[in-house]
Amino acid sequence: MYEYYQKLLDEKGLKNADVARATGISNMTLSDWKRGKSEPKTKNMQKIADFLGTTVDYFTTGKETAPDNVEKRQDEYTELISLYSKLSEDSQKAIMQILRNLK
């Protein structure tokens, strides 16, 4: 499992410390995983996968598989962008303000 995680880190030019900062998982926990002292909990695996832009399955299989809903989500985003681009400038500004407020 760890070898696939390390491969992603190498590809992205990241270190355990970067993952720890971004996910809130301690450096010690990641180091224990590396040394085989423990295996990460499912919730931590998901945090790491989300941060690295992959799936939890990747860590066990080494195969990059997109979650079922990714393609559907991309289609929805494309449709939303198309709809947004057809709005007036004032409407676009209003939507951007709503999104900022939601953030």
N, C-alpha and C. Protein backbone atom coordinates (compact mmCIF):
# COMPACT_ATOMS: atom_id res chain seq x y z
N MET A 1 0.82 -1.20 0.00
CA MET A 1 0.00 0.00 0.00
C MET A 1 0.86 1.26 0.00
N TYR A 2 1.84 1.27 0.87
CA TYR A 2 2.63 2.48 1.01
C TYR A 2 3.38 2.83 -0.27
N GLU A 3 3.79 1.81 -1.02
CA GLU A 3 4.56 2.09 -2.24
C GLU A 3 3.76 2.92 -3.26
N TYR A 4 2.46 2.67 -3.34
CA TYR A 4 1.62 3.44 -4.26
C TYR A 4 1.46 4.88 -3.77
N TYR A 5 1.33 5.02 -2.46
CA TYR A 5 1.26 6.34 -1.85
C TYR A 5 2.55 7.11 -2.14
N GLN A 6 3.69 6.45 -1.91
CA GLN A 6 4.98 7.10 -2.13
C GLN A 6 5.17 7.46 -3.60
N LYS A 7 4.70 6.61 -4.48
CA LYS A 7 4.80 6.89 -5.92
C LYS A 7 4.07 8.18 -6.26
N LEU A 8 2.87 8.36 -5.70
CA LEU A 8 2.12 9.60 -5.93
C LEU A 8 2.85 10.81 -5.37
N LEU A 9 3.41 10.66 -4.19
CA LEU A 9 4.17 11.77 -3.60
C LEU A 9 5.32 12.17 -4.52
N ASP A 10 6.05 11.18 -5.00
CA ASP A 10 7.19 11.44 -5.89
C ASP A 10 6.74 12.14 -7.17
N GLU A 11 5.65 11.64 -7.75
CA GLU A 11 5.14 12.23 -9.00
C GLU A 11 4.72 13.69 -8.81
N LYS A 12 4.20 13.99 -7.63
CA LYS A 12 3.68 15.33 -7.37
C LYS A 12 4.70 16.24 -6.67
N GLY A 13 5.88 15.67 -6.36
CA GLY A 13 6.91 16.45 -5.70
C GLY A 13 6.53 16.84 -4.27
N LEU A 14 5.85 15.94 -3.59
CA LEU A 14 5.39 16.21 -2.23
C LEU A 14 6.12 15.35 -1.22
N LYS A 15 6.02 15.76 0.04
CA LYS A 15 6.60 15.00 1.15
C LYS A 15 5.48 14.69 2.14
N ASN A 16 5.76 13.77 3.06
CA ASN A 16 4.79 13.45 4.10
C ASN A 16 4.33 14.69 4.84
N ALA A 17 5.25 15.61 5.07
CA ALA A 17 4.90 16.84 5.81
C ALA A 17 3.83 17.63 5.07
N ASP A 18 3.88 17.64 3.74
CA ASP A 18 2.87 18.34 2.95
C ASP A 18 1.50 17.69 3.14
N VAL A 19 1.49 16.36 3.12
CA VAL A 19 0.24 15.62 3.30
C VAL A 19 -0.28 15.85 4.72
N ALA A 20 0.61 15.82 5.69
CA ALA A 20 0.21 16.02 7.08
C ALA A 20 -0.44 17.39 7.27
N ARG A 21 0.19 18.42 6.72
CA ARG A 21 -0.36 19.78 6.84
C ARG A 21 -1.72 19.89 6.17
N ALA A 22 -1.86 19.30 4.99
CA ALA A 22 -3.09 19.45 4.22
C ALA A 22 -4.25 18.63 4.78
N THR A 23 -3.94 17.49 5.40
CA THR A 23 -5.00 16.58 5.83
C THR A 23 -5.25 16.59 7.34
N GLY A 24 -4.30 17.11 8.09
CA GLY A 24 -4.43 17.08 9.55
C GLY A 24 -4.01 15.74 10.15
N ILE A 25 -3.47 14.85 9.33
CA ILE A 25 -2.97 13.57 9.82
C ILE A 25 -1.53 13.80 10.26
N SER A 26 -1.18 13.31 11.43
CA SER A 26 0.15 13.61 11.97
C SER A 26 1.26 12.96 11.14
N ASN A 27 2.41 13.62 11.15
CA ASN A 27 3.59 13.09 10.48
C ASN A 27 3.95 11.72 11.06
N MET A 28 3.78 11.56 12.37
CA MET A 28 4.09 10.30 13.04
C MET A 28 3.21 9.17 12.50
N THR A 29 1.93 9.47 12.30
CA THR A 29 1.02 8.46 11.75
C THR A 29 1.47 8.03 10.36
N LEU A 30 1.85 9.00 9.54
CA LEU A 30 2.33 8.68 8.19
C LEU A 30 3.64 7.90 8.24
N SER A 31 4.52 8.25 9.17
CA SER A 31 5.79 7.54 9.32
C SER A 31 5.56 6.10 9.79
N ASP A 32 4.61 5.92 10.73
CA ASP A 32 4.29 4.56 11.19
C ASP A 32 3.77 3.71 10.05
N TRP A 33 2.99 4.32 9.17
CA TRP A 33 2.49 3.61 8.01
C TRP A 33 3.65 3.19 7.12
N LYS A 34 4.58 4.11 6.92
CA LYS A 34 5.74 3.82 6.06
C LYS A 34 6.57 2.65 6.62
N ARG A 35 6.74 2.64 7.93
CA ARG A 35 7.56 1.60 8.56
C ARG A 35 6.79 0.30 8.78
N GLY A 36 5.51 0.28 8.42
CA GLY A 36 4.72 -0.94 8.57
C GLY A 36 4.23 -1.16 9.99
N LYS A 37 4.36 -0.15 10.85
CA LYS A 37 3.88 -0.28 12.23
C LYS A 37 2.37 -0.21 12.32
N SER A 38 1.75 0.40 11.32
CA SER A 38 0.28 0.53 11.33
C SER A 38 -0.21 0.69 9.91
N GLU A 39 -1.50 0.58 9.77
CA GLU A 39 -2.15 0.89 8.50
C GLU A 39 -3.12 2.02 8.76
N PRO A 40 -3.26 2.92 7.79
CA PRO A 40 -4.13 4.07 8.02
C PRO A 40 -5.60 3.68 8.13
N LYS A 41 -6.32 4.43 8.95
CA LYS A 41 -7.76 4.23 9.07
C LYS A 41 -8.42 4.66 7.78
N THR A 42 -9.59 4.12 7.53
CA THR A 42 -10.33 4.42 6.30
C THR A 42 -10.55 5.91 6.12
N LYS A 43 -10.94 6.61 7.20
CA LYS A 43 -11.18 8.05 7.07
C LYS A 43 -9.90 8.80 6.71
N ASN A 44 -8.77 8.35 7.23
CA ASN A 44 -7.50 8.99 6.87
C ASN A 44 -7.11 8.68 5.44
N MET A 45 -7.36 7.44 5.03
CA MET A 45 -7.07 7.07 3.64
C MET A 45 -7.87 7.96 2.68
N GLN A 46 -9.13 8.22 3.03
CA GLN A 46 -9.97 9.05 2.17
C GLN A 46 -9.43 10.48 2.12
N LYS A 47 -9.00 11.01 3.26
CA LYS A 47 -8.42 12.37 3.30
C LYS A 47 -7.18 12.45 2.40
N ILE A 48 -6.34 11.43 2.51
CA ILE A 48 -5.11 11.40 1.70
C ILE A 48 -5.46 11.29 0.22
N ALA A 49 -6.38 10.39 -0.10
CA ALA A 49 -6.79 10.19 -1.50
C ALA A 49 -7.36 11.49 -2.07
N ASP A 50 -8.22 12.16 -1.30
CA ASP A 50 -8.80 13.42 -1.76
C ASP A 50 -7.71 14.46 -2.02
N PHE A 51 -6.78 14.56 -1.10
CA PHE A 51 -5.70 15.54 -1.25
C PHE A 51 -4.84 15.23 -2.48
N LEU A 52 -4.57 13.97 -2.70
CA LEU A 52 -3.70 13.58 -3.82
C LEU A 52 -4.45 13.41 -5.14
N GLY A 53 -5.77 13.57 -5.10
CA GLY A 53 -6.55 13.48 -6.32
C GLY A 53 -6.68 12.07 -6.86
N THR A 54 -6.84 11.12 -5.96
CA THR A 54 -6.97 9.73 -6.38
C THR A 54 -8.08 9.07 -5.57
N THR A 55 -8.15 7.75 -5.63
CA THR A 55 -9.14 7.01 -4.86
C THR A 55 -8.43 6.15 -3.82
N VAL A 56 -9.17 5.73 -2.82
CA VAL A 56 -8.61 4.84 -1.80
C VAL A 56 -8.18 3.53 -2.45
N ASP A 57 -8.92 3.08 -3.44
CA ASP A 57 -8.57 1.84 -4.15
C ASP A 57 -7.16 1.90 -4.74
N TYR A 58 -6.73 3.08 -5.16
CA TYR A 58 -5.40 3.20 -5.75
C TYR A 58 -4.33 2.71 -4.79
N PHE A 59 -4.50 3.00 -3.51
CA PHE A 59 -3.48 2.62 -2.53
C PHE A 59 -3.37 1.11 -2.35
N THR A 60 -4.42 0.38 -2.65
CA THR A 60 -4.37 -1.07 -2.52
C THR A 60 -4.08 -1.79 -3.83
N THR A 61 -4.50 -1.20 -4.95
CA THR A 61 -4.34 -1.87 -6.24
C THR A 61 -3.27 -1.25 -7.13
N GLY A 62 -2.99 0.04 -6.90
CA GLY A 62 -2.06 0.74 -7.78
C GLY A 62 -2.68 1.15 -9.09
N LYS A 63 -3.99 0.89 -9.22
CA LYS A 63 -4.69 1.24 -10.46
C LYS A 63 -5.53 2.48 -10.22
N GLU A 64 -5.41 3.40 -11.12
CA GLU A 64 -6.15 4.66 -11.04
C GLU A 64 -7.53 4.45 -11.61
N THR A 65 -8.50 4.43 -10.75
CA THR A 65 -9.89 4.32 -11.20
C THR A 65 -10.66 5.49 -10.66
N ALA A 66 -11.38 6.13 -11.52
CA ALA A 66 -12.18 7.28 -11.09
C ALA A 66 -13.43 6.80 -10.38
N PRO A 67 -13.81 7.50 -9.33
CA PRO A 67 -15.07 7.14 -8.69
C PRO A 67 -16.21 7.23 -9.70
N ASP A 68 -17.26 6.45 -9.51
CA ASP A 68 -18.38 6.40 -10.45
C ASP A 68 -18.98 7.77 -10.75
N ASN A 69 -18.99 8.63 -9.77
CA ASN A 69 -19.67 9.90 -9.96
C ASN A 69 -18.80 10.99 -10.58
N VAL A 70 -17.52 10.75 -10.80
CA VAL A 70 -16.64 11.79 -11.33
C VAL A 70 -17.07 12.21 -12.73
N GLU A 71 -17.33 11.24 -13.60
CA GLU A 71 -17.72 11.57 -14.96
C GLU A 71 -19.04 12.34 -14.98
N LYS A 72 -19.98 11.91 -14.18
CA LYS A 72 -21.27 12.59 -14.09
C LYS A 72 -21.08 14.02 -13.59
N ARG A 73 -20.24 14.17 -12.59
CA ARG A 73 -19.96 15.49 -12.04
C ARG A 73 -19.34 16.41 -13.08
N GLN A 74 -18.40 15.89 -13.85
CA GLN A 74 -17.75 16.69 -14.89
C GLN A 74 -18.76 17.15 -15.93
N ASP A 75 -19.69 16.27 -16.30
CA ASP A 75 -20.74 16.65 -17.25
C ASP A 75 -21.61 17.77 -16.66
N GLU A 76 -21.93 17.65 -15.38
CA GLU A 76 -22.74 18.68 -14.73
C GLU A 76 -22.00 20.01 -14.69
N TYR A 77 -20.70 19.98 -14.38
CA TYR A 77 -19.91 21.21 -14.35
C TYR A 77 -19.86 21.87 -15.73
N THR A 78 -19.68 21.05 -16.74
CA THR A 78 -19.65 21.58 -18.11
C THR A 78 -20.96 22.25 -18.45
N GLU A 79 -22.07 21.62 -18.08
CA GLU A 79 -23.38 22.20 -18.34
C GLU A 79 -23.55 23.52 -17.57
N LEU A 80 -23.13 23.54 -16.32
CA LEU A 80 -23.26 24.76 -15.51
C LEU A 80 -22.42 25.91 -16.08
N ILE A 81 -21.23 25.59 -16.53
CA ILE A 81 -20.38 26.62 -17.13
C ILE A 81 -21.02 27.17 -18.39
N SER A 82 -21.60 26.29 -19.18
CA SER A 82 -22.28 26.72 -20.40
C SER A 82 -23.46 27.64 -20.06
N LEU A 83 -24.25 27.25 -19.08
CA LEU A 83 -25.39 28.08 -18.67
C LEU A 83 -24.91 29.43 -18.13
N TYR A 84 -23.88 29.39 -17.31
CA TYR A 84 -23.33 30.61 -16.71
C TYR A 84 -22.85 31.57 -17.79
N SER A 85 -22.18 31.05 -18.81
CA SER A 85 -21.63 31.91 -19.86
C SER A 85 -22.71 32.60 -20.68
N LYS A 86 -23.93 32.06 -20.65
CA LYS A 86 -25.03 32.66 -21.41
C LYS A 86 -25.76 33.74 -20.62
N LEU A 87 -25.44 33.89 -19.34
CA LEU A 87 -26.10 34.89 -18.51
C LEU A 87 -25.54 36.28 -18.77
N SER A 88 -26.31 37.28 -18.40
CA SER A 88 -25.83 38.66 -18.51
C SER A 88 -24.70 38.87 -17.50
N GLU A 89 -23.93 39.91 -17.71
CA GLU A 89 -22.82 40.21 -16.81
C GLU A 89 -23.32 40.45 -15.39
N ASP A 90 -24.45 41.14 -15.25
CA ASP A 90 -25.02 41.40 -13.92
C ASP A 90 -25.42 40.09 -13.23
N SER A 91 -26.02 39.19 -13.97
CA SER A 91 -26.41 37.90 -13.40
C SER A 91 -25.18 37.09 -12.99
N GLN A 92 -24.14 37.14 -13.80
CA GLN A 92 -22.90 36.43 -13.46
C GLN A 92 -22.31 36.99 -12.17
N LYS A 93 -22.32 38.32 -12.04
CA LYS A 93 -21.79 38.95 -10.82
C LYS A 93 -22.62 38.53 -9.61
N ALA A 94 -23.93 38.48 -9.77
CA ALA A 94 -24.81 38.09 -8.67
C ALA A 94 -24.53 36.64 -8.24
N ILE A 95 -24.34 35.78 -9.20
CA ILE A 95 -24.04 34.37 -8.88
C ILE A 95 -22.69 34.27 -8.18
N MET A 96 -21.71 35.00 -8.65
CA MET A 96 -20.40 34.98 -8.01
C MET A 96 -20.49 35.46 -6.57
N GLN A 97 -21.30 36.46 -6.33
CA GLN A 97 -21.47 36.96 -4.97
C GLN A 97 -22.13 35.91 -4.06
N ILE A 98 -23.11 35.23 -4.61
CA ILE A 98 -23.77 34.16 -3.84
C ILE A 98 -22.77 33.08 -3.50
N LEU A 99 -21.95 32.70 -4.47
CA LEU A 99 -20.94 31.65 -4.23
C LEU A 99 -19.94 32.09 -3.17
N ARG A 100 -19.52 33.34 -3.23
CA ARG A 100 -18.59 33.86 -2.21
C ARG A 100 -19.22 33.81 -0.83
N ASN A 101 -20.50 34.15 -0.75
CA ASN A 101 -21.19 34.13 0.53
C ASN A 101 -21.32 32.71 1.07
N LEU A 102 -21.50 31.74 0.19
CA LEU A 102 -21.61 30.36 0.61
C LEU A 102 -20.28 29.82 1.11
N LYS A 103 -19.21 30.31 0.56
CA LYS A 103 -17.87 29.87 0.91
C LYS A 103 -17.59 30.22 2.33
